[in-house]
């Protein structure tokens, strides 16, 4: 469901779900919605400075331990409530999560990830991109991915510009995951 930044509301049809699955789904989505809202706000702030045209919030799922896209942003339009498990074969996202280091690329034609990652992160006009690990207590709990039409747009990310914010977001993600599992 695409929505503009100004009209952020989650809409779920409770008539289509049983009472048990409805409650579990709503709990899971409320955790992701708060995270998505934080992701959207951060993206709007970064958009001006880095000329961001596309973004994605990736979280590490506990069972099975896979990466999943939970929110995307493109040109002012946001999509949340996603739970797209990403393949780990030929996965640049997995490599960045394993290494735990910021990854930037200024030649998008050299993108080494799989088809799904390419579609989530890049468009035809992308000239550079960044993958920022979200680390809490030494563990990568997710990734922020952004692309820009501007070459070398994300060199400041390599210098740690977003590390503090990424760490805070990672701590919130980890707390929500633990709260949901309890």
Protein backbone atom coordinates (compact mmCIF):
# COMPACT_ATOMS: atom_id res chain seq x y z
CA UNK A 1 0.00 0.00 0.00
CA UNK A 2 1.58 3.29 -1.07
CA UNK A 3 0.86 6.36 1.00
CA UNK A 4 2.27 9.84 1.00
CA UNK A 5 4.37 10.95 3.95
CA UNK A 6 1.53 13.22 5.04
CA UNK A 7 -1.04 10.40 5.28
CA UNK A 8 0.59 7.66 7.35
CA UNK A 9 -2.05 5.26 8.69
CA UNK A 10 -2.11 1.49 8.88
CA UNK A 11 -5.30 -0.06 7.57
CA UNK A 12 -6.03 -3.70 8.22
CA UNK A 13 -9.22 -5.58 7.54
CA UNK A 14 -9.96 -7.35 10.82
CA UNK A 15 -12.99 -9.07 9.32
CA UNK A 16 -10.70 -11.18 7.15
CA UNK A 17 -8.63 -12.60 10.01
CA UNK A 18 -9.45 -14.87 12.90
CA UNK A 19 -9.32 -13.33 16.35
CA UNK A 20 -6.08 -15.12 17.32
CA UNK A 21 -4.16 -14.34 14.16
CA UNK A 22 -5.53 -10.80 14.22
CA UNK A 23 -4.02 -10.12 17.64
CA UNK A 24 -0.63 -11.65 16.76
CA UNK A 25 -0.52 -9.78 13.43
CA UNK A 26 -1.45 -6.46 15.04
CA UNK A 27 1.23 -6.86 17.73
CA UNK A 28 3.87 -7.62 15.13
CA UNK A 29 2.77 -4.77 12.86
CA UNK A 30 2.59 -2.23 15.70
CA UNK A 31 6.26 -2.92 16.40
CA UNK A 32 7.12 -2.54 12.74
CA UNK A 33 4.87 0.49 12.30
CA UNK A 34 6.72 2.43 14.97
CA UNK A 35 10.00 1.41 13.36
CA UNK A 36 8.67 2.28 9.92
CA UNK A 37 7.58 5.69 11.14
CA UNK A 38 11.09 6.30 12.53
CA UNK A 39 12.58 5.12 9.24
CA UNK A 40 10.31 7.47 7.26
CA UNK A 41 11.17 10.46 9.47
CA UNK A 42 14.89 9.73 9.25
CA UNK A 43 14.64 9.33 5.48
CA UNK A 44 12.82 12.65 5.08
CA UNK A 45 15.58 14.38 7.05
CA UNK A 46 18.38 12.69 5.12
CA UNK A 47 16.65 13.24 1.77
CA UNK A 48 17.56 16.92 1.64
CA UNK A 49 21.22 16.43 2.49
CA UNK A 50 21.91 13.36 0.35
CA UNK A 51 19.36 13.70 -2.46
CA UNK A 52 17.86 10.31 -1.58
CA UNK A 53 15.49 8.91 -4.15
CA UNK A 54 14.92 5.42 -2.69
CA UNK A 55 15.25 3.75 0.71
CA UNK A 56 14.61 0.45 2.43
CA UNK A 57 14.52 -0.74 6.04
CA UNK A 58 15.67 -4.34 6.44
CA UNK A 59 15.31 -6.30 9.68
CA UNK A 60 16.86 -9.59 10.70
CA UNK A 61 14.09 -12.07 11.46
CA UNK A 62 14.70 -14.43 14.37
CA UNK A 63 13.00 -17.56 12.99
CA UNK A 64 14.40 -18.35 10.51
CA UNK A 65 17.42 -16.07 10.73
CA UNK A 66 16.87 -14.19 7.47
CA UNK A 67 16.75 -10.59 6.37
CA UNK A 68 13.34 -9.15 5.52
CA UNK A 69 12.30 -5.84 3.99
CA UNK A 70 9.70 -4.23 6.26
CA UNK A 71 9.46 -0.69 4.84
CA UNK A 72 10.36 1.08 1.63
CA UNK A 73 10.43 4.72 0.61
CA UNK A 74 10.59 6.21 -2.87
CA UNK A 75 10.28 9.86 -3.81
CA UNK A 76 8.09 10.82 -0.85
CA UNK A 77 5.90 7.72 -0.96
CA UNK A 78 6.18 5.20 1.86
CA UNK A 79 5.20 1.57 2.07
CA UNK A 80 5.12 -0.26 5.36
CA UNK A 81 3.66 -3.46 6.71
CA UNK A 82 5.92 -5.49 4.45
CA UNK A 83 7.47 -8.80 5.46
CA UNK A 84 9.42 -9.68 2.34
CA UNK A 85 11.97 -12.38 3.23
CA UNK A 86 15.03 -11.85 1.10
CA UNK A 87 16.96 -14.68 -0.50
CA UNK A 88 20.42 -15.13 0.96
CA UNK A 89 21.91 -16.48 -2.24
CA UNK A 90 24.13 -13.86 -3.94
CA UNK A 91 23.06 -11.42 -1.25
CA UNK A 92 24.97 -8.17 -0.83
CA UNK A 93 22.67 -7.34 2.09
CA UNK A 94 23.73 -10.55 3.91
CA UNK A 95 27.42 -9.81 3.27
CA UNK A 96 27.07 -6.30 4.72
CA UNK A 97 25.15 -7.65 7.73
CA UNK A 98 27.82 -10.31 8.37
CA UNK A 99 30.67 -7.79 8.09
CA UNK A 100 28.84 -5.11 10.07
CA UNK A 101 30.50 -2.31 8.09
CA UNK A 102 28.97 0.54 6.08
CA UNK A 103 29.03 -0.26 2.38
CA UNK A 104 28.87 2.46 -0.27
CA UNK A 105 28.97 2.13 -4.04
CA UNK A 106 29.39 4.95 -6.53
CA UNK A 107 28.98 2.82 -9.61
CA UNK A 108 25.54 1.21 -9.40
CA UNK A 109 26.12 -0.87 -12.51
CA UNK A 110 28.57 -2.86 -10.37
CA UNK A 111 25.82 -3.87 -7.91
CA UNK A 112 26.59 -7.43 -6.77
CA UNK A 113 23.38 -8.25 -4.92
CA UNK A 114 20.47 -10.34 -6.13
CA UNK A 115 17.46 -9.24 -8.19
CA UNK A 116 15.23 -8.49 -5.16
CA UNK A 117 17.86 -6.35 -3.47
CA UNK A 118 18.44 -4.42 -6.69
CA UNK A 119 14.71 -3.70 -7.05
CA UNK A 120 14.36 -2.62 -3.41
CA UNK A 121 17.37 -0.32 -3.42
CA UNK A 122 18.00 1.01 -6.93
CA UNK A 123 16.11 2.54 -9.81
CA UNK A 124 17.20 3.47 -13.32
CA UNK A 125 18.63 6.83 -12.22
CA UNK A 126 20.60 5.64 -9.17
CA UNK A 127 24.25 6.70 -9.27
CA UNK A 128 25.28 5.78 -5.72
CA UNK A 129 23.97 3.81 -2.76
CA UNK A 130 24.73 2.98 0.86
CA UNK A 131 23.97 0.07 3.17
CA UNK A 132 24.23 1.09 6.84
CA UNK A 133 24.22 -1.79 9.36
CA UNK A 134 22.04 -1.32 12.43
CA UNK A 135 24.09 -2.81 15.29
CA UNK A 136 23.05 -3.29 18.90
CA UNK A 137 25.23 -5.07 21.44
CA UNK A 138 27.57 -6.19 18.67
CA UNK A 139 24.81 -7.83 16.62
CA UNK A 140 23.44 -6.56 13.33
CA UNK A 141 19.66 -6.41 13.75
CA UNK A 142 18.96 -4.73 10.42
CA UNK A 143 20.12 -2.47 7.63
CA UNK A 144 19.23 0.92 6.24
CA UNK A 145 19.65 1.19 2.49
CA UNK A 146 19.52 4.38 0.45
CA UNK A 147 20.21 5.31 -3.14
CA UNK A 148 20.73 8.67 -4.81
CA UNK A 149 20.93 10.10 -8.31
CA UNK A 150 23.98 12.03 -7.12
CA UNK A 151 27.37 10.30 -7.46
CA UNK A 152 29.36 9.94 -4.22
CA UNK A 153 26.31 11.06 -2.22
CA UNK A 154 27.08 8.85 0.77
CA UNK A 155 30.79 9.31 1.47
CA UNK A 156 29.96 10.87 4.86
CA UNK A 157 28.33 7.57 5.87
CA UNK A 158 31.74 5.89 5.47
CA UNK A 159 33.14 8.42 7.94
CA UNK A 160 30.57 7.38 10.57
CA UNK A 161 28.15 10.27 10.15
CA UNK A 162 25.09 8.09 10.82
CA UNK A 163 26.63 5.62 13.31
CA UNK A 164 25.07 7.18 16.42
CA UNK A 165 21.57 7.39 14.93
CA UNK A 166 21.92 3.86 13.49
CA UNK A 167 22.96 2.57 16.92
CA UNK A 168 19.94 4.18 18.59
CA UNK A 169 17.59 2.77 15.97
CA UNK A 170 19.19 -0.67 16.38
CA UNK A 171 18.66 -0.53 20.17
CA UNK A 172 14.98 0.32 19.65
CA UNK A 173 14.64 -2.56 17.16
CA UNK A 174 16.27 -5.00 19.57
CA UNK A 175 14.03 -3.85 22.45
CA UNK A 176 10.91 -4.27 20.31
CA UNK A 177 12.01 -7.73 19.20
CA UNK A 178 12.61 -8.83 22.82
CA UNK A 179 9.30 -7.31 23.93
CA UNK A 180 7.47 -9.12 21.12
CA UNK A 181 9.11 -12.47 22.02
CA UNK A 182 8.21 -12.14 25.73
